[in-house]
Amino acid sequence: MPERDDAFLRLALMSVEDLETHIDRLERDLADLEAGIDRPDAELE
C-alpha cells in the first residue's frame, strides 16, 4: 500500500506546529460531521 506509506511519511515529516494545525482541522471537520454539516457547498445548490 504505497499510498498509505506516502501519507504516513508526509505526517511523520511535518513540524509539530503543522501537525497540530492538521489535527485541529480534522477535529473541526469531525465536529461538523457529527453536527450534520457534511458539505459546506450544499447551501449553494
N, C-alpha and C. Protein backbone atom coordinates (compact mmCIF):
# COMPACT_ATOMS: atom_id res chain seq x y z
N MET A 1 0.82 -1.18 0.00
CA MET A 1 0.00 0.00 0.00
C MET A 1 0.87 1.25 0.00
N PRO A 2 1.44 1.55 -1.14
CA PRO A 2 2.35 2.71 -1.21
C PRO A 2 1.68 4.03 -0.86
N GLU A 3 0.39 4.20 -1.19
CA GLU A 3 -0.27 5.47 -0.88
C GLU A 3 -0.38 5.68 0.62
N ARG A 4 -0.58 4.62 1.38
CA ARG A 4 -0.61 4.74 2.84
C ARG A 4 0.77 5.07 3.37
N ASP A 5 1.80 4.46 2.78
CA ASP A 5 3.17 4.76 3.19
C ASP A 5 3.49 6.23 2.94
N ASP A 6 3.08 6.74 1.78
CA ASP A 6 3.32 8.15 1.45
C ASP A 6 2.60 9.07 2.43
N ALA A 7 1.35 8.73 2.76
CA ALA A 7 0.59 9.56 3.70
C ALA A 7 1.24 9.54 5.08
N PHE A 8 1.68 8.38 5.53
CA PHE A 8 2.34 8.28 6.83
C PHE A 8 3.64 9.07 6.83
N LEU A 9 4.41 8.95 5.77
CA LEU A 9 5.68 9.68 5.68
C LEU A 9 5.44 11.18 5.71
N ARG A 10 4.41 11.64 4.99
CA ARG A 10 4.09 13.07 4.98
C ARG A 10 3.76 13.56 6.39
N LEU A 11 2.96 12.78 7.14
CA LEU A 11 2.63 13.16 8.51
C LEU A 11 3.86 13.10 9.41
N ALA A 12 4.69 12.09 9.22
CA ALA A 12 5.88 11.92 10.06
C ALA A 12 6.88 13.05 9.87
N LEU A 13 6.89 13.66 8.71
CA LEU A 13 7.85 14.72 8.41
C LEU A 13 7.33 16.12 8.72
N MET A 14 6.07 16.22 9.15
CA MET A 14 5.51 17.53 9.48
C MET A 14 6.14 18.08 10.75
N SER A 15 6.22 19.40 10.81
CA SER A 15 6.66 20.03 12.07
C SER A 15 5.55 19.86 13.10
N VAL A 16 5.88 20.05 14.35
CA VAL A 16 4.88 19.94 15.41
C VAL A 16 3.75 20.93 15.18
N GLU A 17 4.09 22.14 14.80
CA GLU A 17 3.07 23.17 14.56
C GLU A 17 2.14 22.76 13.41
N ASP A 18 2.71 22.27 12.31
CA ASP A 18 1.89 21.83 11.18
C ASP A 18 1.01 20.64 11.56
N LEU A 19 1.57 19.72 12.33
CA LEU A 19 0.80 18.56 12.76
C LEU A 19 -0.35 18.97 13.68
N GLU A 20 -0.12 19.90 14.57
CA GLU A 20 -1.19 20.40 15.45
C GLU A 20 -2.28 21.09 14.64
N THR A 21 -1.89 21.86 13.63
CA THR A 21 -2.86 22.52 12.76
C THR A 21 -3.69 21.48 12.02
N HIS A 22 -3.04 20.45 11.52
CA HIS A 22 -3.72 19.36 10.80
C HIS A 22 -4.73 18.67 11.72
N ILE A 23 -4.33 18.40 12.95
CA ILE A 23 -5.22 17.75 13.91
C ILE A 23 -6.39 18.65 14.25
N ASP A 24 -6.14 19.95 14.43
CA ASP A 24 -7.23 20.90 14.70
C ASP A 24 -8.25 20.90 13.57
N ARG A 25 -7.79 20.87 12.34
CA ARG A 25 -8.71 20.84 11.19
C ARG A 25 -9.52 19.55 11.18
N LEU A 26 -8.86 18.43 11.45
CA LEU A 26 -9.58 17.16 11.49
C LEU A 26 -10.64 17.15 12.59
N GLU A 27 -10.30 17.71 13.75
CA GLU A 27 -11.27 17.77 14.85
C GLU A 27 -12.45 18.66 14.50
N ARG A 28 -12.20 19.79 13.82
CA ARG A 28 -13.31 20.66 13.39
C ARG A 28 -14.17 19.95 12.36
N ASP A 29 -13.54 19.26 11.42
CA ASP A 29 -14.30 18.52 10.41
C ASP A 29 -15.16 17.45 11.06
N LEU A 30 -14.61 16.73 12.03
CA LEU A 30 -15.36 15.70 12.73
C LEU A 30 -16.55 16.32 13.47
N ALA A 31 -16.33 17.43 14.15
CA ALA A 31 -17.42 18.10 14.87
C ALA A 31 -18.51 18.53 13.89
N ASP A 32 -18.12 19.05 12.73
CA ASP A 32 -19.11 19.45 11.72
C ASP A 32 -19.90 18.25 11.23
N LEU A 33 -19.22 17.15 10.98
CA LEU A 33 -19.91 15.95 10.50
C LEU A 33 -20.87 15.42 11.56
N GLU A 34 -20.44 15.43 12.80
CA GLU A 34 -21.30 14.96 13.88
C GLU A 34 -22.51 15.87 14.06
N ALA A 35 -22.35 17.14 13.73
CA ALA A 35 -23.45 18.10 13.85
C ALA A 35 -24.36 18.08 12.61
N GLY A 36 -23.98 17.31 11.60
CA GLY A 36 -24.82 17.19 10.42
C GLY A 36 -24.40 18.03 9.24
N ILE A 37 -23.28 18.71 9.33
CA ILE A 37 -22.79 19.50 8.20
C ILE A 37 -21.82 18.62 7.43
N ASP A 38 -22.27 18.10 6.29
CA ASP A 38 -21.38 17.21 5.56
C ASP A 38 -20.85 17.81 4.27
N ARG A 39 -21.47 18.89 3.80
CA ARG A 39 -20.96 19.54 2.59
C ARG A 39 -21.11 21.04 2.72
N PRO A 40 -20.00 21.75 2.86
CA PRO A 40 -20.08 23.21 3.01
C PRO A 40 -20.74 23.90 1.83
N ASP A 41 -20.65 23.30 0.64
CA ASP A 41 -21.22 23.94 -0.55
C ASP A 41 -22.68 23.57 -0.76
N ALA A 42 -23.30 22.79 0.10
CA ALA A 42 -24.68 22.36 -0.06
C ALA A 42 -25.65 23.54 -0.06
N GLU A 43 -25.29 24.61 0.65
CA GLU A 43 -26.15 25.80 0.70
C GLU A 43 -26.25 26.48 -0.66
N LEU A 44 -25.25 26.31 -1.48
CA LEU A 44 -25.22 27.00 -2.77
C LEU A 44 -26.07 26.31 -3.83
N GLU A 45 -26.49 25.10 -3.60
CA GLU A 45 -27.26 24.36 -4.62
C GLU A 45 -28.71 24.73 -4.61
